[in-house]
Protein backbone atom coordinates (compact mmCIF):
# COMPACT_ATOMS: atom_id res chain seq x y z
CA MET A 1 -26.85 0.38 145.47
CA ALA A 2 -25.45 -2.41 145.59
CA THR A 3 -27.83 -4.04 144.05
CA ALA A 4 -26.63 -0.97 141.00
CA ALA A 5 -23.17 -1.98 141.82
CA ARG A 6 -24.42 -5.76 142.03
CA THR A 7 -26.22 -5.42 138.30
CA GLY A 8 -22.63 -3.71 137.06
CA LEU A 9 -20.37 -5.63 137.97
CA ALA A 10 -22.96 -7.80 136.20
CA ALA A 11 -23.27 -6.85 133.05
CA PRO A 12 -19.64 -6.35 131.82
CA THR A 13 -18.33 -9.37 133.59
CA ALA A 14 -21.83 -11.74 132.59
CA SER A 15 -18.78 -13.25 129.86
CA ALA A 16 -21.21 -12.78 126.96
CA PRO A 17 -20.15 -10.70 124.92
CA PRO A 18 -15.94 -11.45 125.46
CA GLU A 19 -17.02 -15.09 124.67
CA VAL A 20 -18.55 -13.43 121.74
CA THR A 21 -16.23 -11.82 120.85
CA GLU A 22 -13.92 -15.67 120.76
CA ALA A 23 -16.37 -16.47 118.79
CA PRO A 24 -15.08 -15.76 115.51
CA THR A 25 -11.14 -15.63 116.54
CA ALA A 26 -12.82 -18.85 117.54
CA SER A 27 -9.50 -19.79 115.09
CA ALA A 28 -11.96 -20.52 112.71
CA SER A 29 -10.38 -16.98 111.40
CA PRO A 30 -6.99 -17.63 112.30
CA GLU A 31 -7.39 -21.43 111.01
CA VAL A 32 -8.62 -20.87 107.72
CA THR A 33 -5.20 -18.19 107.73
CA GLU A 34 -3.57 -21.01 108.23
CA ALA A 35 -5.48 -23.41 106.04
CA PRO A 36 -3.23 -21.37 102.99
CA THR A 37 -0.85 -20.47 106.01
CA ALA A 38 1.22 -17.43 105.80
CA SER A 39 3.59 -19.36 104.54
CA ALA A 40 1.97 -20.96 101.38
CA SER A 41 2.47 -17.88 99.93
CA PRO A 42 6.77 -17.42 99.64
CA GLU A 43 6.12 -21.91 99.56
CA VAL A 44 4.00 -20.42 96.47
CA THR A 45 6.46 -17.45 95.37
CA GLU A 46 9.32 -20.28 95.34
CA ALA A 47 8.33 -22.96 93.88
CA PRO A 48 7.84 -21.59 90.24
CA GLU A 49 11.92 -20.73 89.81
CA VAL A 50 13.29 -24.52 91.53
CA THR A 51 10.41 -25.74 89.08
CA ALA A 52 10.70 -23.70 86.27
CA THR A 53 14.67 -25.23 86.41
CA GLU A 54 13.24 -28.83 86.74
CA ILE A 55 11.50 -28.87 84.13
CA ARG A 56 14.04 -27.67 81.61
CA ARG A 57 17.03 -30.13 83.09
CA HIS A 58 14.08 -32.75 82.57
CA GLU A 59 13.20 -31.33 79.48
CA LEU A 60 16.15 -31.10 78.10
CA ALA A 61 17.40 -35.07 78.97
CA ASP A 62 14.41 -36.15 78.00
CA PHE A 63 14.92 -33.95 74.35
CA LEU A 64 18.91 -35.30 74.32
CA ARG A 65 17.54 -39.21 74.59
CA SER A 66 15.21 -38.85 71.81
CA ARG A 67 18.06 -37.49 69.52
CA ARG A 68 20.26 -39.94 70.69
CA GLU A 69 18.19 -42.48 70.01
CA ARG A 70 17.56 -41.24 65.99
CA ILE A 71 20.71 -41.27 64.66
CA THR A 72 21.93 -44.56 63.82
CA PRO A 73 25.74 -45.11 63.99
CA GLU A 74 26.45 -45.48 59.90
CA GLN A 75 25.32 -42.06 59.84
CA VAL A 76 27.91 -40.37 62.40
CA GLY A 77 31.15 -43.67 60.81
CA LEU A 78 30.60 -45.30 63.21
CA VAL A 79 30.15 -49.41 63.35
CA PRO A 80 27.04 -50.84 64.51
CA GLY A 81 28.15 -54.06 66.01
CA ARG A 82 26.26 -57.37 66.56
CA ARG A 83 24.19 -56.59 69.74
CA ARG A 84 22.39 -53.43 70.29
CA ARG A 85 20.14 -53.08 72.44
CA THR A 86 19.65 -49.60 73.45
CA PRO A 87 17.71 -47.55 69.58
CA GLY A 88 20.24 -45.53 67.60
CA LEU A 89 23.78 -44.32 69.23
CA ARG A 90 24.98 -45.23 73.05
CA ARG A 91 25.32 -43.11 76.04
CA GLU A 92 29.38 -43.23 75.02
CA GLU A 93 28.94 -42.90 71.50
CA VAL A 94 27.69 -39.72 72.05
CA ALA A 95 30.29 -39.20 74.96
CA GLN A 96 32.65 -39.38 72.61
CA LEU A 97 31.44 -37.67 69.54
CA SER A 98 31.08 -34.80 71.55
CA ALA A 99 34.50 -35.44 73.51
CA VAL A 100 32.95 -34.69 76.88
CA GLY A 101 32.94 -37.41 79.57
CA VAL A 102 30.57 -40.16 79.71
CA THR A 103 29.47 -39.73 83.07
CA TRP A 104 29.55 -36.60 81.72
CA TYR A 105 26.77 -36.64 79.49
CA THR A 106 24.76 -39.33 81.52
CA TRP A 107 23.97 -36.87 84.68
CA LEU A 108 23.00 -34.66 81.49
CA GLU A 109 20.04 -37.39 80.63
CA GLN A 110 19.36 -38.37 83.73
CA ALA A 111 18.90 -33.83 84.68
CA ARG A 112 21.23 -33.70 86.68
CA ASP A 113 22.39 -30.03 87.47
CA ILE A 114 24.76 -29.70 86.22
CA GLN A 115 26.76 -26.68 85.01
CA VAL A 116 26.45 -27.57 81.17
CA SER A 117 29.04 -24.80 79.13
CA PRO A 118 28.15 -23.46 75.59
CA GLN A 119 31.20 -24.83 73.72
CA VAL A 120 30.19 -28.65 75.01
CA LEU A 121 26.70 -27.46 74.65
CA ASP A 122 27.92 -26.93 70.67
CA ALA A 123 29.78 -30.17 70.54
CA LEU A 124 26.58 -31.99 71.52
CA ALA A 125 24.28 -30.32 68.87
CA ARG A 126 27.76 -31.60 66.33
CA ALA A 127 27.95 -34.67 67.37
CA LEU A 128 23.52 -35.17 67.51
CA LEU A 129 22.97 -33.61 64.03
CA LEU A 130 21.04 -31.23 65.10
CA ASP A 131 19.83 -29.18 62.37
CA ARG A 132 18.96 -25.05 63.00
CA SER A 133 15.75 -25.41 64.67
CA GLU A 134 16.44 -28.17 67.19
CA ARG A 135 19.99 -26.09 68.74
CA SER A 136 18.68 -23.03 68.48
CA HIS A 137 16.10 -25.78 71.32
CA LEU A 138 19.42 -26.84 72.80
CA PHE A 139 19.90 -23.41 73.95
CA SER A 140 17.50 -22.60 75.35
CA LEU A 141 16.22 -25.54 77.12
CA ALA A 142 20.23 -25.22 78.17
CA GLY A 143 19.77 -21.78 79.30
CA ALA A 144 22.72 -20.55 77.65
CA ILE A 145 23.11 -18.42 74.96
CA ASP A 146 24.31 -19.70 72.03
CA PRO A 147 28.21 -18.25 70.71
CA ALA A 148 27.79 -19.65 66.91
CA PRO A 149 23.99 -18.88 65.80
CA GLY A 150 23.20 -19.18 62.22
CA THR A 151 26.15 -20.01 59.90
CA GLU A 152 29.11 -19.22 61.76
CA CYS A 153 28.58 -23.18 63.11
CA PRO A 154 26.90 -25.46 60.83
CA SER A 155 25.86 -28.57 61.22
CA ILE A 156 28.51 -31.76 60.41
CA THR A 157 26.95 -33.25 58.23
CA PRO A 158 28.17 -37.67 57.61
CA ALA A 159 28.51 -35.95 54.11
CA LEU A 160 30.76 -33.98 55.32
CA ARG A 161 32.13 -36.09 57.84
CA ALA A 162 33.30 -38.17 55.33
CA MET A 163 34.02 -36.03 52.61
CA LEU A 164 37.09 -35.22 55.54
CA ARG A 165 38.13 -39.28 55.68
CA GLN A 166 38.46 -39.68 52.50
CA LEU A 167 40.93 -36.93 52.33
CA GLU A 168 43.35 -38.60 54.41
CA PRO A 169 45.62 -38.73 54.42
CA ILE A 170 45.66 -35.41 53.63
CA PRO A 171 45.36 -33.68 57.09
CA ALA A 172 42.10 -30.91 56.75
CA CYS A 173 39.34 -29.38 59.09
CA VAL A 174 36.54 -27.41 59.33
CA GLN A 175 36.46 -23.85 61.59
CA ASN A 176 33.81 -20.69 61.05
CA SER A 177 35.14 -17.51 60.74
CA ARG A 178 36.38 -17.89 64.48
CA TYR A 179 38.78 -20.12 63.54
CA ASP A 180 36.49 -22.56 65.85
CA VAL A 181 37.92 -25.90 64.87
CA LEU A 182 34.51 -27.30 63.64
CA ALA A 183 35.11 -31.18 62.47
CA HIS A 184 38.74 -32.32 61.43
CA ASN A 185 39.86 -35.99 60.77
CA ARG A 186 42.32 -38.18 62.00
CA THR A 187 45.21 -37.06 60.14
CA TYR A 188 44.35 -33.34 61.91
CA GLY A 189 43.96 -34.50 64.95
CA ARG A 190 48.44 -35.24 65.06
CA LEU A 191 49.46 -32.91 62.57
CA LEU A 192 49.74 -30.23 64.83
CA CYS A 193 49.05 -31.23 68.66
CA GLU A 194 47.00 -34.08 69.69
CA LEU A 195 44.20 -32.27 69.17
CA ASP A 196 41.87 -35.64 70.73
CA ALA A 197 43.12 -34.26 74.26
CA VAL A 198 42.28 -30.58 73.80
CA ALA A 199 39.10 -29.35 75.60
CA PRO A 200 36.38 -29.16 72.64
CA GLU A 201 36.48 -25.86 73.84
CA ASP A 202 40.03 -25.15 73.74
CA ARG A 203 39.70 -25.87 69.88
CA ASN A 204 40.14 -22.19 68.09
CA ILE A 205 43.42 -21.90 66.25
CA MET A 206 44.19 -18.06 67.78
CA LEU A 207 44.34 -20.34 71.24
CA LEU A 208 46.04 -22.91 70.49
CA ALA A 209 48.85 -20.63 68.46
CA TYR A 210 49.04 -18.29 71.07
CA THR A 211 48.64 -21.06 74.56
CA ASN A 212 49.79 -24.78 73.54
CA GLU A 213 53.40 -25.87 73.77
CA GLN A 214 52.91 -28.74 71.50
CA TRP A 215 51.28 -26.24 68.18
CA ARG A 216 53.54 -23.67 69.04
CA SER A 217 56.90 -26.27 68.99
CA THR A 218 55.32 -27.27 65.36
CA VAL A 219 55.00 -24.47 63.44
CA MET A 220 58.12 -23.61 62.13
CA ASP A 221 59.16 -19.74 62.53
CA ILE A 222 55.98 -19.39 64.43
CA ALA A 223 56.28 -15.55 65.32
CA GLU A 224 55.52 -14.70 61.28
CA VAL A 225 51.82 -17.48 61.23
CA THR A 226 50.95 -15.40 64.60
CA ARG A 227 51.48 -12.22 63.23
CA PHE A 228 49.65 -12.85 60.04
CA LEU A 229 46.90 -15.10 61.99
CA THR A 230 46.63 -12.65 63.89
CA ALA A 231 45.92 -10.35 60.77
CA LYS A 232 43.79 -12.40 59.78
CA PHE A 233 41.78 -12.59 62.84
CA ARG A 234 41.12 -8.75 63.48
CA ALA A 235 40.41 -8.60 59.76
CA ALA A 236 37.57 -11.63 60.41
CA MET A 237 36.27 -10.01 63.60
CA ALA A 238 36.09 -6.04 62.51
CA GLY A 239 32.23 -7.51 60.95
CA HIS A 240 31.75 -8.67 64.79
CA LEU A 241 33.42 -6.42 66.90
CA ALA A 242 29.60 -6.35 68.93
CA GLU A 243 29.04 -9.70 69.48
CA PRO A 244 30.12 -12.24 73.42
CA SER A 245 31.72 -14.34 71.91
CA TRP A 246 34.52 -13.29 69.88
CA LYS A 247 34.88 -10.31 72.69
CA ALA A 248 35.13 -13.21 75.07
CA LEU A 249 37.14 -14.46 73.30
CA LEU A 250 40.06 -11.24 72.56
CA LYS A 251 39.48 -11.11 76.03
CA ARG A 252 40.91 -14.38 76.76
CA LEU A 253 43.18 -14.18 74.20
CA GLU A 254 44.67 -10.32 75.58
CA ALA A 255 44.44 -12.10 79.54
CA ALA A 256 46.83 -15.46 78.40
CA SER A 257 49.10 -14.00 75.68
CA PRO A 258 51.64 -10.97 76.58
CA GLU A 259 52.80 -11.50 73.22
CA PHE A 260 48.85 -11.98 71.88
CA ARG A 261 48.38 -8.01 72.78
CA GLU A 262 51.78 -7.02 71.62
CA THR A 263 50.49 -7.67 67.99
CA TRP A 264 46.52 -7.60 68.33
CA ALA A 265 48.59 -3.51 68.65
CA ARG A 266 50.07 -3.00 65.55
CA HIS A 267 46.45 -3.16 64.16
CA GLU A 268 47.26 -5.21 60.76
CA VAL A 269 44.98 -7.00 58.37
CA VAL A 270 45.52 -9.16 56.14
CA SER A 271 42.51 -10.95 53.37
CA SER A 272 42.03 -14.76 54.05
CA GLY A 273 44.42 -16.62 51.39
CA GLY A 274 46.78 -20.16 50.96
CA ARG A 275 49.76 -20.06 52.42
CA SER A 276 52.79 -22.52 52.88
CA LYS A 277 53.62 -24.38 56.52
CA ILE A 278 56.61 -26.33 57.22
CA PHE A 279 56.14 -28.26 60.11
CA ARG A 280 57.83 -30.56 62.31
CA ASN A 281 55.98 -33.37 62.93
CA ALA A 282 56.50 -34.97 66.45
CA HIS A 283 55.63 -38.82 64.85
CA VAL A 284 56.66 -38.13 61.01
CA GLY A 285 59.70 -35.30 61.15
CA LEU A 286 58.99 -32.42 58.46
CA LEU A 287 56.22 -31.39 56.87
CA ARG A 288 55.81 -29.20 53.60
CA VAL A 289 52.59 -28.18 53.37
CA GLU A 290 50.16 -25.85 51.44
CA THR A 291 46.60 -24.39 52.77
CA SER A 292 43.38 -24.47 50.81
CA ASP A 293 40.52 -23.24 52.08
CA LEU A 294 37.12 -23.94 50.49
CA TRP A 295 34.23 -21.19 51.98
CA LEU A 296 31.37 -23.77 52.40
CA GLY A 297 28.11 -21.36 52.21
CA PRO A 298 27.70 -18.03 50.63
CA SER A 299 29.17 -15.82 53.34
CA ALA A 300 32.61 -15.92 54.45
CA GLY A 301 31.80 -18.02 57.33
CA PRO A 302 32.43 -21.59 57.98
CA ARG A 303 35.20 -23.24 55.62
CA LEU A 304 37.39 -25.98 54.87
CA VAL A 305 41.24 -26.53 55.42
CA THR A 306 43.58 -28.23 53.82
CA TYR A 307 46.65 -28.92 54.20
CA VAL A 308 48.71 -29.85 51.02
CA PRO A 309 51.67 -31.77 50.42
CA ARG A 310 54.73 -29.54 48.79
CA ASP A 311 56.46 -32.68 47.88
CA GLU A 312 56.73 -36.29 47.81
CA GLU A 313 58.43 -36.14 51.01
CA THR A 314 55.14 -34.79 52.45
CA ARG A 315 53.74 -36.99 51.04
CA GLU A 316 55.09 -39.82 51.79
CA ARG A 317 55.06 -39.26 55.50
CA LEU A 318 51.54 -38.47 55.89
CA GLN A 319 50.90 -41.76 54.52
CA ARG A 320 52.60 -42.44 57.61
CA LEU A 321 51.54 -40.49 60.09
CA GLN A 322 48.14 -41.63 58.49
CA ALA A 323 49.20 -45.25 59.22
CA LEU A 324 50.15 -44.18 62.39
CA VAL A 325 46.73 -43.25 63.78
CA LEU A 326 45.36 -46.44 62.63
CA ALA A 327 47.50 -48.63 64.53
CA ASP A 328 46.76 -46.27 67.66
CA GLU A 329 42.90 -47.02 66.64
CA ASP A 330 43.38 -51.01 66.55
């Protein structure tokens, strides 16, 4: 019995089976599992999102830099100067043309993690003379939806900018059918308000007419003018009812102006056309002009809008306004 008991105790406690059991678990298996590690799976899952975002930011930075370096100052109406260590435009020149801060644009080219609005991307696309494919690529890299695709927001070519300059002292601008001001000459920039001080995303005729106090105080008979503008805007919007950019503008106007809500509720429509206007300019006084639209494409989209003087007095005052602008630039 004692022998049997001894034998029975020795067999299970011989420690060989436990050792054999521990051998497979001798951290070989756990170590193999830990080599990829339990945390490796989550890290691999998170990496694509972070990496994709970072890669896109760097691609955007490289793309902006390459587009900037291919443009000469002369192409955008700038004086080249003697010493230019940078090929193409300088960062501050792109910032100036786009009406954005130099520091902010520098961060963009440095692939910093900053938010870029569609309106600013639109301004950059025009400043860098991007064609449709390049514009689409820009918005794709920025992860943004183009608010004005296709003919709604054409490239502002050097020739078009030159034409705007040549029209001076006659105020002129390029607008799309949503009444965004895409480009303007210097006298237009001082005609109704200090337009260059307005953020690019706010350079919309409807917004200015209802929310910019300087604009509203310059326009004589503002109530009649806003009513006419709203009727034109409603007629234009009929072809864009489902487009996010149009819906966003309408929502913004309704939120910002009780006057707009009241006028919009009338459901008045009118086709576009020339119209006589009277402005009380802060710099040169009363101006009597006739507006004229020149369509830049086959459809009712982008157009050149000019403000032609109706009398000699207005012509002389517009010349004075141009002289003031030029004096400020010196």
